[in-house]
Amino acid sequence: MSAKSSGELVSNRRATFNYEILETFETGIVLQGTEIKSLRDNGGSLQEAYVKVVGGELWLVGCNIAHYRFGNVHNHDEKRDRKLLMHRREIDKLTVATQEKGLTVIPLAFYLKDGRVKVRIATAKGKKTFDKREAIKTRDEKRHMDQVMKQNR
């Protein structure tokens, strides 16, 4: 997720570093008028966001969508909880996974699909510190090998 794909508006780049991604899902999201305009200007952040289930509904908590710069007094609240739209059986599956297996649900990206904003969410398991160190080590080794290969051309 480090590089933005063609329709991606906002991505959570630290998610793959902090979590082991197990399964991904596509959801819709309920937005207000100026929120979509702000997202199209890449005015959002998913760094500390997570998904919780309340009363059989999914809610995106901790997501920051910046104020729309051309908005007026009716601009949206930046940190409000936003409702996610999924089928009932998928919500039940996520609920069971978070309760029984001790997993968490995190947002990975906002993207456009047929003119509508979708959210890619994932069930994830937190990485331990030594796992993160291992990821840094392999990334550095790969970078070093790429530099050596480039010099030998």
N, C-alpha and C. Protein backbone atom coordinates (compact mmCIF):
# COMPACT_ATOMS: atom_id res chain seq x y z
N MET A 1 0.80 -1.20 0.00
CA MET A 1 0.00 0.00 0.00
C MET A 1 0.85 1.27 0.00
N SER A 2 2.14 1.13 -0.13
CA SER A 2 2.98 2.31 -0.03
C SER A 2 2.76 3.27 -1.20
N ALA A 3 2.57 2.77 -2.38
CA ALA A 3 2.31 3.63 -3.53
C ALA A 3 0.81 3.69 -3.77
N LYS A 4 0.32 4.88 -4.07
CA LYS A 4 -1.11 5.03 -4.30
C LYS A 4 -1.48 4.47 -5.66
N SER A 5 -2.55 3.68 -5.69
CA SER A 5 -3.04 3.17 -6.96
C SER A 5 -3.86 4.25 -7.65
N SER A 6 -4.36 3.97 -8.82
CA SER A 6 -4.98 5.00 -9.66
C SER A 6 -6.18 5.68 -9.00
N GLY A 7 -7.07 4.94 -8.36
CA GLY A 7 -8.25 5.56 -7.78
C GLY A 7 -8.17 5.78 -6.29
N GLU A 8 -7.02 5.54 -5.68
CA GLU A 8 -6.90 5.63 -4.23
C GLU A 8 -6.80 7.08 -3.78
N LEU A 9 -7.61 7.45 -2.81
CA LEU A 9 -7.63 8.82 -2.31
C LEU A 9 -6.72 8.98 -1.09
N VAL A 10 -6.88 8.09 -0.12
CA VAL A 10 -6.10 8.14 1.12
C VAL A 10 -5.73 6.71 1.49
N SER A 11 -4.50 6.50 1.94
CA SER A 11 -4.11 5.15 2.35
C SER A 11 -3.48 5.17 3.73
N ASN A 12 -3.56 4.05 4.40
CA ASN A 12 -2.96 3.87 5.73
C ASN A 12 -1.65 3.11 5.51
N ARG A 13 -0.58 3.84 5.28
CA ARG A 13 0.70 3.23 4.92
C ARG A 13 1.34 2.46 6.07
N ARG A 14 1.06 2.85 7.29
CA ARG A 14 1.66 2.18 8.45
C ARG A 14 0.96 0.89 8.83
N ALA A 15 -0.17 0.62 8.23
CA ALA A 15 -0.95 -0.56 8.61
C ALA A 15 -0.18 -1.85 8.39
N THR A 16 0.49 -1.98 7.25
CA THR A 16 1.21 -3.22 6.98
C THR A 16 2.45 -3.37 7.85
N PHE A 17 2.96 -2.25 8.38
CA PHE A 17 4.11 -2.31 9.28
C PHE A 17 3.68 -2.71 10.69
N ASN A 18 2.57 -2.14 11.15
CA ASN A 18 2.11 -2.38 12.53
C ASN A 18 1.25 -3.63 12.68
N TYR A 19 0.66 -4.11 11.58
CA TYR A 19 -0.27 -5.23 11.66
C TYR A 19 0.04 -6.28 10.62
N GLU A 20 -0.32 -7.50 10.92
CA GLU A 20 -0.31 -8.59 9.95
C GLU A 20 -1.72 -8.67 9.37
N ILE A 21 -1.87 -8.36 8.10
CA ILE A 21 -3.18 -8.31 7.45
C ILE A 21 -3.62 -9.74 7.12
N LEU A 22 -4.82 -10.11 7.58
CA LEU A 22 -5.32 -11.46 7.37
C LEU A 22 -6.34 -11.55 6.24
N GLU A 23 -7.36 -10.68 6.26
CA GLU A 23 -8.41 -10.73 5.26
C GLU A 23 -8.92 -9.32 5.01
N THR A 24 -9.14 -8.98 3.74
CA THR A 24 -9.61 -7.63 3.41
C THR A 24 -11.05 -7.66 2.93
N PHE A 25 -11.74 -6.54 3.12
CA PHE A 25 -13.13 -6.38 2.72
C PHE A 25 -13.31 -5.00 2.09
N GLU A 26 -14.34 -4.87 1.26
CA GLU A 26 -14.71 -3.59 0.67
C GLU A 26 -16.02 -3.14 1.31
N THR A 27 -16.05 -1.90 1.78
CA THR A 27 -17.27 -1.36 2.39
C THR A 27 -17.60 -0.01 1.78
N GLY A 28 -18.86 0.35 1.89
CA GLY A 28 -19.27 1.70 1.56
C GLY A 28 -19.17 2.55 2.81
N ILE A 29 -19.30 3.84 2.66
CA ILE A 29 -19.23 4.75 3.81
C ILE A 29 -20.25 5.86 3.64
N VAL A 30 -20.84 6.29 4.75
CA VAL A 30 -21.81 7.38 4.75
C VAL A 30 -21.04 8.68 4.98
N LEU A 31 -21.05 9.56 3.98
CA LEU A 31 -20.33 10.83 4.06
C LEU A 31 -21.28 12.00 3.91
N GLN A 32 -20.86 13.15 4.43
CA GLN A 32 -21.60 14.38 4.23
C GLN A 32 -21.04 15.08 2.99
N GLY A 33 -21.72 16.13 2.54
CA GLY A 33 -21.36 16.78 1.28
C GLY A 33 -19.93 17.25 1.16
N THR A 34 -19.42 17.95 2.15
CA THR A 34 -18.07 18.49 2.01
C THR A 34 -16.99 17.44 2.27
N GLU A 35 -17.35 16.30 2.86
CA GLU A 35 -16.36 15.26 3.12
C GLU A 35 -15.85 14.64 1.83
N ILE A 36 -16.73 14.39 0.89
CA ILE A 36 -16.31 13.80 -0.38
C ILE A 36 -15.40 14.76 -1.13
N LYS A 37 -15.71 16.03 -1.09
CA LYS A 37 -14.87 17.03 -1.77
C LYS A 37 -13.49 17.10 -1.12
N SER A 38 -13.45 17.03 0.18
CA SER A 38 -12.18 17.05 0.89
C SER A 38 -11.35 15.80 0.58
N LEU A 39 -12.00 14.64 0.52
CA LEU A 39 -11.29 13.40 0.19
C LEU A 39 -10.73 13.45 -1.23
N ARG A 40 -11.46 14.03 -2.15
CA ARG A 40 -10.96 14.14 -3.52
C ARG A 40 -9.73 15.05 -3.59
N ASP A 41 -9.58 15.95 -2.61
CA ASP A 41 -8.39 16.80 -2.50
C ASP A 41 -7.30 16.12 -1.66
N ASN A 42 -7.45 14.82 -1.38
CA ASN A 42 -6.52 14.05 -0.53
C ASN A 42 -6.41 14.63 0.87
N GLY A 43 -7.53 15.07 1.42
CA GLY A 43 -7.54 15.69 2.74
C GLY A 43 -8.03 14.75 3.82
N GLY A 44 -7.41 13.61 3.96
CA GLY A 44 -7.83 12.66 4.99
C GLY A 44 -6.66 11.91 5.57
N SER A 45 -6.91 11.28 6.73
CA SER A 45 -5.88 10.48 7.38
C SER A 45 -6.51 9.28 8.06
N LEU A 46 -5.88 8.13 7.90
CA LEU A 46 -6.37 6.89 8.52
C LEU A 46 -5.38 6.36 9.56
N GLN A 47 -4.42 7.15 9.98
CA GLN A 47 -3.32 6.68 10.81
C GLN A 47 -3.78 6.07 12.13
N GLU A 48 -4.70 6.67 12.82
CA GLU A 48 -5.13 6.16 14.12
C GLU A 48 -6.56 5.66 14.09
N ALA A 49 -7.06 5.36 12.91
CA ALA A 49 -8.45 4.94 12.77
C ALA A 49 -8.59 3.43 12.99
N TYR A 50 -9.77 3.04 13.43
CA TYR A 50 -10.11 1.63 13.58
C TYR A 50 -11.61 1.48 13.37
N VAL A 51 -12.05 0.24 13.23
CA VAL A 51 -13.46 -0.05 12.99
C VAL A 51 -14.01 -0.79 14.20
N LYS A 52 -15.20 -0.37 14.67
CA LYS A 52 -15.84 -1.08 15.77
C LYS A 52 -17.28 -1.40 15.39
N VAL A 53 -17.79 -2.46 16.03
CA VAL A 53 -19.16 -2.89 15.78
C VAL A 53 -20.01 -2.43 16.96
N VAL A 54 -21.05 -1.65 16.67
CA VAL A 54 -21.96 -1.15 17.69
C VAL A 54 -23.38 -1.45 17.24
N GLY A 55 -24.09 -2.27 17.98
CA GLY A 55 -25.48 -2.57 17.66
C GLY A 55 -25.66 -3.20 16.29
N GLY A 56 -24.73 -4.03 15.87
CA GLY A 56 -24.85 -4.69 14.58
C GLY A 56 -24.48 -3.81 13.40
N GLU A 57 -23.88 -2.64 13.66
CA GLU A 57 -23.45 -1.74 12.60
C GLU A 57 -21.96 -1.48 12.73
N LEU A 58 -21.30 -1.24 11.60
CA LEU A 58 -19.87 -0.92 11.60
C LEU A 58 -19.68 0.59 11.64
N TRP A 59 -18.74 1.05 12.47
CA TRP A 59 -18.44 2.46 12.58
C TRP A 59 -16.94 2.67 12.44
N LEU A 60 -16.55 3.65 11.65
CA LEU A 60 -15.16 4.03 11.49
C LEU A 60 -14.86 5.12 12.50
N VAL A 61 -13.94 4.83 13.43
CA VAL A 61 -13.65 5.72 14.54
C VAL A 61 -12.21 6.23 14.40
N GLY A 62 -12.00 7.50 14.69
CA GLY A 62 -10.65 8.06 14.71
C GLY A 62 -10.14 8.49 13.35
N CYS A 63 -10.96 8.44 12.34
CA CYS A 63 -10.56 8.87 11.00
C CYS A 63 -10.68 10.39 10.92
N ASN A 64 -9.69 11.02 10.32
CA ASN A 64 -9.68 12.47 10.21
C ASN A 64 -9.86 12.86 8.75
N ILE A 65 -10.96 13.53 8.44
CA ILE A 65 -11.17 14.09 7.11
C ILE A 65 -11.16 15.60 7.28
N ALA A 66 -10.16 16.24 6.70
CA ALA A 66 -9.94 17.68 6.89
C ALA A 66 -11.13 18.49 6.40
N HIS A 67 -11.26 19.71 6.96
CA HIS A 67 -12.30 20.62 6.49
C HIS A 67 -12.06 20.94 5.02
N TYR A 68 -13.15 21.05 4.28
CA TYR A 68 -13.05 21.44 2.88
C TYR A 68 -12.69 22.91 2.83
N ARG A 69 -11.64 23.24 2.08
CA ARG A 69 -11.11 24.61 2.12
C ARG A 69 -12.06 25.63 1.52
N PHE A 70 -12.98 25.22 0.64
CA PHE A 70 -13.95 26.15 0.09
C PHE A 70 -15.30 26.02 0.79
N GLY A 71 -15.34 25.29 1.89
CA GLY A 71 -16.59 25.11 2.63
C GLY A 71 -16.98 26.37 3.38
N ASN A 72 -18.18 26.36 3.90
CA ASN A 72 -18.67 27.52 4.66
C ASN A 72 -18.97 27.08 6.09
N VAL A 73 -19.89 27.73 6.74
CA VAL A 73 -20.22 27.41 8.12
C VAL A 73 -20.85 26.03 8.26
N HIS A 74 -21.29 25.44 7.15
CA HIS A 74 -21.90 24.11 7.18
C HIS A 74 -20.89 23.01 6.87
N ASN A 75 -19.61 23.29 7.10
CA ASN A 75 -18.57 22.31 6.89
C ASN A 75 -18.73 21.17 7.89
N HIS A 76 -18.18 20.02 7.61
CA HIS A 76 -18.33 18.83 8.45
C HIS A 76 -17.38 18.85 9.65
N ASP A 77 -17.68 18.00 10.63
CA ASP A 77 -16.80 17.80 11.79
C ASP A 77 -15.69 16.84 11.38
N GLU A 78 -14.43 17.20 11.61
CA GLU A 78 -13.29 16.41 11.13
C GLU A 78 -13.21 15.02 11.73
N LYS A 79 -13.48 14.87 13.02
CA LYS A 79 -13.22 13.61 13.73
C LYS A 79 -14.48 12.81 14.04
N ARG A 80 -15.59 13.08 13.37
CA ARG A 80 -16.82 12.37 13.72
C ARG A 80 -16.73 10.90 13.32
N ASP A 81 -17.50 10.05 14.01
CA ASP A 81 -17.57 8.64 13.66
C ASP A 81 -18.43 8.51 12.40
N ARG A 82 -17.98 7.64 11.48
CA ARG A 82 -18.69 7.48 10.23
C ARG A 82 -19.16 6.05 10.08
N LYS A 83 -20.39 5.90 9.60
CA LYS A 83 -20.99 4.57 9.45
C LYS A 83 -20.48 3.91 8.18
N LEU A 84 -20.12 2.62 8.32
CA LEU A 84 -19.70 1.82 7.18
C LEU A 84 -20.84 0.91 6.75
N LEU A 85 -20.93 0.64 5.46
CA LEU A 85 -22.03 -0.13 4.90
C LEU A 85 -21.53 -1.47 4.39
N MET A 86 -22.04 -2.56 4.99
CA MET A 86 -21.69 -3.92 4.58
C MET A 86 -22.92 -4.80 4.70
N HIS A 87 -22.85 -5.98 4.10
CA HIS A 87 -23.92 -6.95 4.25
C HIS A 87 -23.89 -7.53 5.66
N ARG A 88 -25.04 -7.94 6.13
CA ARG A 88 -25.20 -8.46 7.49
C ARG A 88 -24.26 -9.64 7.76
N ARG A 89 -24.17 -10.58 6.83
CA ARG A 89 -23.33 -11.76 7.07
C ARG A 89 -21.85 -11.39 7.18
N GLU A 90 -21.43 -10.36 6.46
CA GLU A 90 -20.04 -9.91 6.57
C GLU A 90 -19.79 -9.22 7.91
N ILE A 91 -20.76 -8.45 8.36
CA ILE A 91 -20.64 -7.80 9.67
C ILE A 91 -20.57 -8.86 10.76
N ASP A 92 -21.41 -9.89 10.66
CA ASP A 92 -21.39 -10.98 11.64
C ASP A 92 -20.04 -11.70 11.63
N LYS A 93 -19.48 -11.89 10.46
CA LYS A 93 -18.18 -12.55 10.34
C LYS A 93 -17.09 -11.72 11.03
N LEU A 94 -17.12 -10.40 10.83
CA LEU A 94 -16.15 -9.52 11.48
C LEU A 94 -16.33 -9.50 12.99
N THR A 95 -17.58 -9.51 13.44
CA THR A 95 -17.87 -9.51 14.87
C THR A 95 -17.30 -10.76 15.54
N VAL A 96 -17.52 -11.91 14.93
CA VAL A 96 -17.01 -13.17 15.48
C VAL A 96 -15.49 -13.17 15.50
N ALA A 97 -14.88 -12.69 14.44
CA ALA A 97 -13.41 -12.67 14.36
C ALA A 97 -12.81 -11.78 15.44
N THR A 98 -13.42 -10.63 15.70
CA THR A 98 -12.84 -9.73 16.70
C THR A 98 -13.09 -10.22 18.12
N GLN A 99 -14.18 -10.91 18.35
CA GLN A 99 -14.47 -11.37 19.71
C GLN A 99 -13.74 -12.66 20.05
N GLU A 100 -13.76 -13.63 19.16
CA GLU A 100 -13.19 -14.94 19.48
C GLU A 100 -11.68 -14.98 19.28
N LYS A 101 -11.19 -14.47 18.17
CA LYS A 101 -9.80 -14.63 17.83
C LYS A 101 -8.92 -13.49 18.33
N GLY A 102 -9.52 -12.44 18.89
CA GLY A 102 -8.73 -11.33 19.39
C GLY A 102 -8.11 -10.48 18.29
N LEU A 103 -8.74 -10.45 17.13
CA LEU A 103 -8.23 -9.64 16.03
C LEU A 103 -8.84 -8.25 16.11
N THR A 104 -8.31 -7.34 15.31
CA THR A 104 -8.85 -6.00 15.22
C THR A 104 -9.18 -5.71 13.76
N VAL A 105 -10.06 -4.76 13.53
CA VAL A 105 -10.43 -4.37 12.18
C VAL A 105 -9.92 -2.96 11.95
N ILE A 106 -9.10 -2.80 10.91
CA ILE A 106 -8.51 -1.50 10.62
C ILE A 106 -8.83 -1.09 9.18
N PRO A 107 -8.91 0.21 8.92
CA PRO A 107 -9.09 0.68 7.54
C PRO A 107 -7.73 0.75 6.84
N LEU A 108 -7.71 0.35 5.58
CA LEU A 108 -6.47 0.39 4.81
C LEU A 108 -6.44 1.56 3.83
N ALA A 109 -7.59 1.87 3.23
CA ALA A 109 -7.59 2.94 2.22
C ALA A 109 -9.00 3.41 1.91
N PHE A 110 -9.09 4.67 1.47
CA PHE A 110 -10.27 5.22 0.82
C PHE A 110 -9.96 5.22 -0.67
N TYR A 111 -10.90 4.79 -1.50
CA TYR A 111 -10.69 4.83 -2.94
C TYR A 111 -12.01 5.04 -3.65
N LEU A 112 -11.93 5.42 -4.91
CA LEU A 112 -13.12 5.65 -5.73
C LEU A 112 -13.43 4.41 -6.55
N LYS A 113 -14.70 4.07 -6.60
CA LYS A 113 -15.17 2.98 -7.45
C LYS A 113 -16.51 3.42 -8.04
N ASP A 114 -16.55 3.60 -9.33
CA ASP A 114 -17.74 4.07 -10.03
C ASP A 114 -18.26 5.39 -9.45
N GLY A 115 -17.35 6.28 -9.10
CA GLY A 115 -17.73 7.59 -8.60
C GLY A 115 -18.13 7.63 -7.14
N ARG A 116 -18.04 6.51 -6.44
CA ARG A 116 -18.39 6.46 -5.02
C ARG A 116 -17.16 6.11 -4.20
N VAL A 117 -17.12 6.66 -2.99
CA VAL A 117 -15.99 6.37 -2.11
C VAL A 117 -16.23 5.05 -1.41
N LYS A 118 -15.24 4.18 -1.47
CA LYS A 118 -15.26 2.90 -0.79
C LYS A 118 -14.12 2.88 0.21
N VAL A 119 -14.26 2.03 1.23
CA VAL A 119 -13.21 1.87 2.23
C VAL A 119 -12.75 0.42 2.21
N ARG A 120 -11.45 0.21 2.08
CA ARG A 120 -10.89 -1.14 2.17
C ARG A 120 -10.51 -1.34 3.63
N ILE A 121 -11.16 -2.32 4.28
CA ILE A 121 -10.86 -2.63 5.67
C ILE A 121 -10.28 -4.04 5.74
N ALA A 122 -9.64 -4.35 6.85
CA ALA A 122 -9.02 -5.66 6.99
C ALA A 122 -9.07 -6.13 8.42
N THR A 123 -9.19 -7.44 8.59
CA THR A 123 -8.97 -8.02 9.91
C THR A 123 -7.46 -8.17 10.04
N ALA A 124 -6.94 -7.77 11.19
CA ALA A 124 -5.50 -7.74 11.35
C ALA A 124 -5.11 -8.17 12.75
N LYS A 125 -3.88 -8.62 12.86
CA LYS A 125 -3.31 -9.04 14.13
C LYS A 125 -2.08 -8.18 14.36
N GLY A 126 -1.96 -7.58 15.53
CA GLY A 126 -0.85 -6.69 15.82
C GLY A 126 0.49 -7.40 15.80
N LYS A 127 1.50 -6.76 15.24
CA LYS A 127 2.84 -7.32 15.22
C LYS A 127 3.57 -6.99 16.51
N LYS A 128 4.42 -7.88 16.93
CA LYS A 128 5.29 -7.64 18.08
C LYS A 128 6.49 -6.81 17.63
N THR A 129 7.23 -6.28 18.58
CA THR A 129 8.38 -5.44 18.27
C THR A 129 9.42 -6.17 17.44
N PHE A 130 9.68 -7.44 17.77
CA PHE A 130 10.70 -8.16 17.02
C PHE A 130 10.27 -8.42 15.58
N ASP A 131 8.96 -8.55 15.33
CA ASP A 131 8.46 -8.70 13.97
C ASP A 131 8.72 -7.42 13.17
N LYS A 132 8.53 -6.27 13.83
CA LYS A 132 8.75 -5.00 13.16
C LYS A 132 10.23 -4.83 12.84
N ARG A 133 11.09 -5.24 13.76
CA ARG A 133 12.53 -5.15 13.52
C ARG A 133 12.94 -6.03 12.35
N GLU A 134 12.34 -7.19 12.25
CA GLU A 134 12.61 -8.11 11.14
C GLU A 134 12.18 -7.49 9.81
N ALA A 135 11.03 -6.80 9.81
CA ALA A 135 10.55 -6.15 8.59
C ALA A 135 11.50 -5.03 8.17
N ILE A 136 12.00 -4.28 9.12
CA ILE A 136 12.96 -3.21 8.82
C ILE A 136 14.24 -3.81 8.25
N LYS A 137 14.69 -4.91 8.84
CA LYS A 137 15.92 -5.56 8.39
C LYS A 137 15.79 -6.05 6.95
N THR A 138 14.70 -6.72 6.64
CA THR A 138 14.52 -7.23 5.27
C THR A 138 14.36 -6.09 4.26
N ARG A 139 13.71 -5.02 4.66
CA ARG A 139 13.56 -3.86 3.78
C ARG A 139 14.92 -3.23 3.48
N ASP A 140 15.76 -3.09 4.51
CA ASP A 140 17.09 -2.53 4.32
C ASP A 140 17.96 -3.43 3.45
N GLU A 141 17.86 -4.75 3.65
CA GLU A 141 18.63 -5.68 2.82
C GLU A 141 18.21 -5.59 1.36
N LYS A 142 16.91 -5.50 1.13
CA LYS A 142 16.41 -5.39 -0.24
C LYS A 142 16.89 -4.09 -0.88
N ARG A 143 16.86 -3.00 -0.15
CA ARG A 143 17.33 -1.72 -0.66
C ARG A 143 18.82 -1.80 -1.03
N HIS A 144 19.61 -2.43 -0.16
CA HIS A 144 21.05 -2.59 -0.41
C HIS A 144 21.30 -3.43 -1.66
N MET A 145 20.56 -4.54 -1.80
CA MET A 145 20.72 -5.39 -2.98
C MET A 145 20.34 -4.66 -4.26
N ASP A 146 19.30 -3.85 -4.21
CA ASP A 146 18.89 -3.08 -5.38
C ASP A 146 19.97 -2.08 -5.77
N GLN A 147 20.62 -1.45 -4.77
CA GLN A 147 21.70 -0.50 -5.05
C GLN A 147 22.89 -1.20 -5.68
N VAL A 148 23.25 -2.38 -5.17
CA VAL A 148 24.37 -3.14 -5.72
C VAL A 148 24.07 -3.55 -7.16
N MET A 149 22.85 -4.03 -7.41
CA MET A 149 22.48 -4.43 -8.76
C MET A 149 22.50 -3.25 -9.73
N LYS A 150 22.09 -2.08 -9.26
CA LYS A 150 22.07 -0.89 -10.10
C LYS A 150 23.49 -0.45 -10.45
N GLN A 151 24.42 -0.59 -9.50
CA GLN A 151 25.82 -0.20 -9.75
C GLN A 151 26.50 -1.16 -10.72
N ASN A 152 26.10 -2.42 -10.74
CA ASN A 152 26.73 -3.42 -11.60
C ASN A 152 26.22 -3.40 -13.04
N ARG A 153 25.26 -2.58 -13.37
CA ARG A 153 24.73 -2.52 -14.73
C ARG A 153 25.65 -1.80 -15.66
